[in-house]
Amino acid sequence: MGWSDLQKFKEHPNVQIVAICDVDSDNLKKASEILPDARTYTDWRELLDKEEKNIDSVNVTVPDHNHFIIAWNFIRKKKHVYCQKPMTHSVEEARRMAEEARAAGVKRWFRLMA
């Protein structure tokens, strides 16, 4: 899904991709070839730390068990989040995410697939 999402974001006239992150070096290399101006990272925490002032939103397309922790941390920094499903694995996580988003004043987008 990450590659598909990247293609769609890249095509949008109002989107500027300033940074990309992937733990898989092959995927990161492939993405950086079509986005040569984007800074690259292998750890989302480093991306958040170094790019916090340069980004408005983030697309979270990682294995399901990482959706919540990544999305929640970006929302805490007042970044809008587009996330693949499932965003959380429990009602408690969903409540925490919603509370944090309300407090931060940001939106959460979910990709729903049939």
N, C-alpha and C. Protein backbone atom coordinates (compact mmCIF):
# COMPACT_ATOMS: atom_id res chain seq x y z
N MET A 1 0.81 -1.20 0.00
CA MET A 1 0.00 0.00 0.00
C MET A 1 0.86 1.27 0.00
N GLY A 2 2.03 1.19 0.60
CA GLY A 2 2.88 2.37 0.66
C GLY A 2 3.24 2.89 -0.72
N TRP A 3 3.57 1.99 -1.63
CA TRP A 3 3.95 2.41 -2.97
C TRP A 3 2.76 3.05 -3.69
N SER A 4 1.59 2.45 -3.56
CA SER A 4 0.38 2.99 -4.17
C SER A 4 0.06 4.37 -3.60
N ASP A 5 0.10 4.50 -2.28
CA ASP A 5 -0.15 5.80 -1.65
C ASP A 5 0.86 6.84 -2.12
N LEU A 6 2.12 6.46 -2.18
CA LEU A 6 3.17 7.39 -2.60
C LEU A 6 2.90 7.91 -4.01
N GLN A 7 2.49 7.04 -4.90
CA GLN A 7 2.19 7.45 -6.28
C GLN A 7 1.05 8.47 -6.30
N LYS A 8 0.02 8.23 -5.53
CA LYS A 8 -1.13 9.16 -5.49
C LYS A 8 -0.74 10.50 -4.89
N PHE A 9 -0.02 10.49 -3.79
CA PHE A 9 0.41 11.75 -3.19
C PHE A 9 1.34 12.51 -4.13
N LYS A 10 2.21 11.80 -4.80
CA LYS A 10 3.16 12.42 -5.73
C LYS A 10 2.44 13.13 -6.87
N GLU A 11 1.32 12.58 -7.30
CA GLU A 11 0.56 13.15 -8.42
C GLU A 11 -0.25 14.37 -8.03
N HIS A 12 -0.52 14.54 -6.75
CA HIS A 12 -1.40 15.63 -6.31
C HIS A 12 -0.67 16.98 -6.44
N PRO A 13 -1.30 17.96 -7.09
CA PRO A 13 -0.61 19.25 -7.32
C PRO A 13 -0.36 20.06 -6.06
N ASN A 14 -1.08 19.80 -4.98
CA ASN A 14 -0.90 20.58 -3.76
C ASN A 14 -0.10 19.85 -2.69
N VAL A 15 0.57 18.79 -3.06
CA VAL A 15 1.35 18.01 -2.10
C VAL A 15 2.84 18.11 -2.45
N GLN A 16 3.62 18.40 -1.45
CA GLN A 16 5.08 18.38 -1.59
C GLN A 16 5.60 17.34 -0.61
N ILE A 17 6.24 16.32 -1.12
CA ILE A 17 6.80 15.27 -0.27
C ILE A 17 8.22 15.67 0.08
N VAL A 18 8.45 15.97 1.35
CA VAL A 18 9.76 16.46 1.77
C VAL A 18 10.62 15.38 2.41
N ALA A 19 9.98 14.29 2.86
CA ALA A 19 10.74 13.24 3.52
C ALA A 19 10.02 11.91 3.35
N ILE A 20 10.81 10.84 3.29
CA ILE A 20 10.26 9.50 3.21
C ILE A 20 11.01 8.61 4.19
N CYS A 21 10.32 7.59 4.66
CA CYS A 21 10.92 6.71 5.66
C CYS A 21 10.52 5.28 5.38
N ASP A 22 11.49 4.39 5.45
CA ASP A 22 11.21 2.96 5.32
C ASP A 22 12.37 2.19 5.94
N VAL A 23 12.07 1.15 6.70
CA VAL A 23 13.13 0.33 7.28
C VAL A 23 13.74 -0.60 6.24
N ASP A 24 13.01 -0.84 5.16
CA ASP A 24 13.49 -1.71 4.08
C ASP A 24 14.31 -0.87 3.10
N SER A 25 15.60 -1.11 3.02
CA SER A 25 16.48 -0.29 2.19
C SER A 25 16.11 -0.35 0.71
N ASP A 26 15.60 -1.49 0.25
CA ASP A 26 15.18 -1.59 -1.15
C ASP A 26 13.98 -0.69 -1.44
N ASN A 27 13.00 -0.71 -0.54
CA ASN A 27 11.83 0.17 -0.71
C ASN A 27 12.23 1.64 -0.63
N LEU A 28 13.10 1.97 0.29
CA LEU A 28 13.54 3.36 0.46
C LEU A 28 14.30 3.83 -0.78
N LYS A 29 15.14 2.98 -1.33
CA LYS A 29 15.89 3.32 -2.54
C LYS A 29 14.94 3.55 -3.71
N LYS A 30 13.97 2.67 -3.87
CA LYS A 30 12.99 2.79 -4.95
C LYS A 30 12.22 4.11 -4.83
N ALA A 31 11.78 4.43 -3.63
CA ALA A 31 11.04 5.68 -3.41
C ALA A 31 11.92 6.90 -3.63
N SER A 32 13.15 6.84 -3.18
CA SER A 32 14.04 8.00 -3.33
C SER A 32 14.41 8.24 -4.79
N GLU A 33 14.33 7.21 -5.62
CA GLU A 33 14.61 7.40 -7.05
C GLU A 33 13.53 8.24 -7.74
N ILE A 34 12.29 8.13 -7.28
CA ILE A 34 11.25 8.95 -7.89
C ILE A 34 11.04 10.26 -7.14
N LEU A 35 11.67 10.39 -5.96
CA LEU A 35 11.60 11.61 -5.16
C LEU A 35 13.01 12.02 -4.74
N PRO A 36 13.83 12.40 -5.71
CA PRO A 36 15.24 12.68 -5.39
C PRO A 36 15.47 13.84 -4.41
N ASP A 37 14.49 14.73 -4.28
CA ASP A 37 14.65 15.87 -3.37
C ASP A 37 14.17 15.58 -1.95
N ALA A 38 13.52 14.47 -1.76
CA ALA A 38 13.01 14.11 -0.42
C ALA A 38 14.13 13.54 0.44
N ARG A 39 14.18 13.98 1.68
CA ARG A 39 15.15 13.43 2.62
C ARG A 39 14.68 12.03 3.03
N THR A 40 15.63 11.15 3.28
CA THR A 40 15.29 9.76 3.59
C THR A 40 15.65 9.39 5.03
N TYR A 41 14.82 8.53 5.59
CA TYR A 41 15.02 8.05 6.95
C TYR A 41 14.67 6.57 7.01
N THR A 42 15.29 5.88 7.96
CA THR A 42 14.94 4.48 8.21
C THR A 42 14.22 4.31 9.54
N ASP A 43 14.07 5.38 10.29
CA ASP A 43 13.40 5.34 11.59
C ASP A 43 12.42 6.51 11.67
N TRP A 44 11.15 6.20 11.88
CA TRP A 44 10.13 7.25 11.92
C TRP A 44 10.37 8.24 13.05
N ARG A 45 10.99 7.80 14.14
CA ARG A 45 11.26 8.71 15.26
C ARG A 45 12.27 9.77 14.87
N GLU A 46 13.26 9.38 14.10
CA GLU A 46 14.24 10.34 13.61
C GLU A 46 13.59 11.32 12.63
N LEU A 47 12.73 10.80 11.74
CA LEU A 47 12.02 11.68 10.81
C LEU A 47 11.21 12.70 11.59
N LEU A 48 10.45 12.27 12.59
CA LEU A 48 9.64 13.19 13.38
C LEU A 48 10.51 14.23 14.07
N ASP A 49 11.60 13.79 14.64
CA ASP A 49 12.51 14.71 15.34
C ASP A 49 13.11 15.75 14.39
N LYS A 50 13.58 15.31 13.25
CA LYS A 50 14.30 16.21 12.33
C LYS A 50 13.38 17.00 11.40
N GLU A 51 12.20 16.47 11.10
CA GLU A 51 11.31 17.11 10.13
C GLU A 51 10.09 17.77 10.74
N GLU A 52 9.98 17.76 12.04
CA GLU A 52 8.77 18.27 12.69
C GLU A 52 8.35 19.64 12.17
N LYS A 53 9.28 20.53 11.98
CA LYS A 53 8.96 21.88 11.53
C LYS A 53 8.73 21.96 10.02
N ASN A 54 9.06 20.90 9.29
CA ASN A 54 8.96 20.91 7.83
C ASN A 54 7.73 20.19 7.28
N ILE A 55 6.98 19.53 8.15
CA ILE A 55 5.85 18.74 7.66
C ILE A 55 4.54 19.17 8.31
N ASP A 56 3.46 19.02 7.55
CA ASP A 56 2.12 19.28 8.05
C ASP A 56 1.37 17.99 8.34
N SER A 57 1.73 16.95 7.58
CA SER A 57 1.00 15.69 7.72
C SER A 57 1.92 14.53 7.39
N VAL A 58 1.42 13.34 7.71
CA VAL A 58 2.19 12.12 7.48
C VAL A 58 1.25 11.01 7.02
N ASN A 59 1.77 10.15 6.17
CA ASN A 59 1.05 8.96 5.73
C ASN A 59 1.67 7.77 6.44
N VAL A 60 0.86 7.03 7.19
CA VAL A 60 1.36 5.88 7.94
C VAL A 60 0.93 4.61 7.20
N THR A 61 1.87 4.01 6.50
CA THR A 61 1.61 2.76 5.77
C THR A 61 2.71 1.79 6.15
N VAL A 62 2.51 1.16 7.28
CA VAL A 62 3.48 0.24 7.87
C VAL A 62 2.74 -1.00 8.32
N PRO A 63 3.42 -2.02 8.82
CA PRO A 63 2.70 -3.18 9.37
C PRO A 63 1.70 -2.73 10.45
N ASP A 64 0.57 -3.43 10.50
CA ASP A 64 -0.54 -3.04 11.37
C ASP A 64 -0.15 -2.77 12.81
N HIS A 65 0.76 -3.55 13.37
CA HIS A 65 1.08 -3.40 14.79
C HIS A 65 1.80 -2.09 15.10
N ASN A 66 2.23 -1.36 14.08
CA ASN A 66 2.90 -0.07 14.29
C ASN A 66 2.00 1.13 14.01
N HIS A 67 0.81 0.92 13.48
CA HIS A 67 -0.06 2.05 13.12
C HIS A 67 -0.30 3.00 14.28
N PHE A 68 -0.75 2.46 15.39
CA PHE A 68 -1.12 3.33 16.52
C PHE A 68 0.06 4.15 17.02
N ILE A 69 1.16 3.50 17.33
CA ILE A 69 2.27 4.22 17.97
C ILE A 69 2.84 5.32 17.08
N ILE A 70 2.91 5.06 15.79
CA ILE A 70 3.42 6.09 14.88
C ILE A 70 2.40 7.21 14.73
N ALA A 71 1.16 6.87 14.41
CA ALA A 71 0.13 7.90 14.23
C ALA A 71 -0.05 8.74 15.49
N TRP A 72 -0.09 8.08 16.64
CA TRP A 72 -0.30 8.79 17.90
C TRP A 72 0.83 9.79 18.17
N ASN A 73 2.06 9.39 17.91
CA ASN A 73 3.18 10.30 18.14
C ASN A 73 3.17 11.49 17.20
N PHE A 74 2.78 11.29 15.96
CA PHE A 74 2.70 12.43 15.04
C PHE A 74 1.54 13.34 15.41
N ILE A 75 0.41 12.76 15.81
CA ILE A 75 -0.73 13.58 16.24
C ILE A 75 -0.35 14.40 17.46
N ARG A 76 0.39 13.82 18.38
CA ARG A 76 0.84 14.57 19.57
C ARG A 76 1.65 15.80 19.19
N LYS A 77 2.29 15.76 18.02
CA LYS A 77 3.08 16.90 17.53
C LYS A 77 2.26 17.79 16.59
N LYS A 78 0.93 17.58 16.61
CA LYS A 78 -0.01 18.39 15.85
C LYS A 78 0.11 18.20 14.33
N LYS A 79 0.44 16.99 13.94
CA LYS A 79 0.53 16.64 12.51
C LYS A 79 -0.73 15.88 12.11
N HIS A 80 -1.25 16.18 10.95
CA HIS A 80 -2.39 15.44 10.43
C HIS A 80 -1.89 14.07 9.99
N VAL A 81 -2.75 13.07 10.10
CA VAL A 81 -2.34 11.69 9.83
C VAL A 81 -3.30 11.03 8.86
N TYR A 82 -2.74 10.42 7.84
CA TYR A 82 -3.47 9.52 6.93
C TYR A 82 -2.91 8.14 7.23
N CYS A 83 -3.78 7.23 7.62
CA CYS A 83 -3.30 5.93 8.08
C CYS A 83 -4.07 4.79 7.44
N GLN A 84 -3.35 3.74 7.10
CA GLN A 84 -3.99 2.52 6.63
C GLN A 84 -4.75 1.89 7.79
N LYS A 85 -5.71 1.05 7.47
CA LYS A 85 -6.44 0.36 8.53
C LYS A 85 -5.69 -0.89 8.96
N PRO A 86 -5.85 -1.37 10.14
CA PRO A 86 -6.55 -0.74 11.26
C PRO A 86 -5.65 0.30 11.92
N MET A 87 -6.23 1.40 12.30
CA MET A 87 -5.42 2.43 12.95
C MET A 87 -5.04 2.01 14.36
N THR A 88 -5.93 1.25 14.99
CA THR A 88 -5.66 0.77 16.34
C THR A 88 -6.07 -0.70 16.43
N HIS A 89 -5.68 -1.32 17.53
CA HIS A 89 -6.04 -2.72 17.75
C HIS A 89 -6.99 -2.91 18.93
N SER A 90 -7.37 -1.81 19.57
CA SER A 90 -8.28 -1.94 20.70
C SER A 90 -9.12 -0.67 20.82
N VAL A 91 -10.20 -0.80 21.54
CA VAL A 91 -11.06 0.36 21.79
C VAL A 91 -10.28 1.40 22.59
N GLU A 92 -9.49 0.94 23.55
CA GLU A 92 -8.69 1.86 24.37
C GLU A 92 -7.74 2.69 23.50
N GLU A 93 -7.04 2.04 22.57
CA GLU A 93 -6.14 2.78 21.67
C GLU A 93 -6.93 3.78 20.83
N ALA A 94 -8.09 3.38 20.34
CA ALA A 94 -8.92 4.27 19.52
C ALA A 94 -9.35 5.50 20.32
N ARG A 95 -9.71 5.27 21.57
CA ARG A 95 -10.11 6.40 22.42
C ARG A 95 -8.93 7.33 22.68
N ARG A 96 -7.77 6.75 22.96
CA ARG A 96 -6.57 7.57 23.19
C ARG A 96 -6.23 8.40 21.95
N MET A 97 -6.35 7.77 20.77
CA MET A 97 -6.06 8.46 19.52
C MET A 97 -7.03 9.61 19.31
N ALA A 98 -8.31 9.36 19.51
CA ALA A 98 -9.32 10.40 19.33
C ALA A 98 -9.13 11.55 20.31
N GLU A 99 -8.84 11.23 21.56
CA GLU A 99 -8.61 12.27 22.57
C GLU A 99 -7.41 13.13 22.20
N GLU A 100 -6.33 12.49 21.78
CA GLU A 100 -5.13 13.22 21.42
C GLU A 100 -5.38 14.10 20.20
N ALA A 101 -6.11 13.58 19.22
CA ALA A 101 -6.40 14.35 18.01
C ALA A 101 -7.26 15.57 18.34
N ARG A 102 -8.26 15.38 19.19
CA ARG A 102 -9.09 16.52 19.59
C ARG A 102 -8.25 17.57 20.31
N ALA A 103 -7.41 17.13 21.23
CA ALA A 103 -6.56 18.06 21.98
C ALA A 103 -5.58 18.79 21.07
N ALA A 104 -5.08 18.10 20.05
CA ALA A 104 -4.09 18.70 19.15
C ALA A 104 -4.75 19.51 18.03
N GLY A 105 -6.05 19.30 17.82
CA GLY A 105 -6.76 20.00 16.76
C GLY A 105 -6.40 19.51 15.37
N VAL A 106 -6.13 18.23 15.25
CA VAL A 106 -5.76 17.67 13.95
C VAL A 106 -6.79 16.66 13.48
N LYS A 107 -6.71 16.34 12.20
CA LYS A 107 -7.62 15.37 11.59
C LYS A 107 -6.92 14.03 11.46
N ARG A 108 -7.74 12.97 11.44
CA ARG A 108 -7.24 11.64 11.16
C ARG A 108 -7.98 11.13 9.95
N TRP A 109 -7.26 10.62 8.99
CA TRP A 109 -7.90 10.04 7.81
C TRP A 109 -7.66 8.56 7.83
N PHE A 110 -8.67 7.81 7.47
CA PHE A 110 -8.56 6.36 7.46
C PHE A 110 -8.81 5.89 6.04
N ARG A 111 -8.05 4.95 5.60
CA ARG A 111 -8.27 4.35 4.29
C ARG A 111 -9.14 3.13 4.52
N LEU A 112 -10.34 3.16 4.00
CA LEU A 112 -11.26 2.05 4.16
C LEU A 112 -11.30 1.25 2.86
N MET A 113 -11.14 -0.03 2.99
CA MET A 113 -11.12 -0.89 1.81
C MET A 113 -12.18 -1.97 1.98
N ALA A 114 -12.84 -2.29 0.88
CA ALA A 114 -13.87 -3.34 0.92
C ALA A 114 -13.23 -4.70 0.92
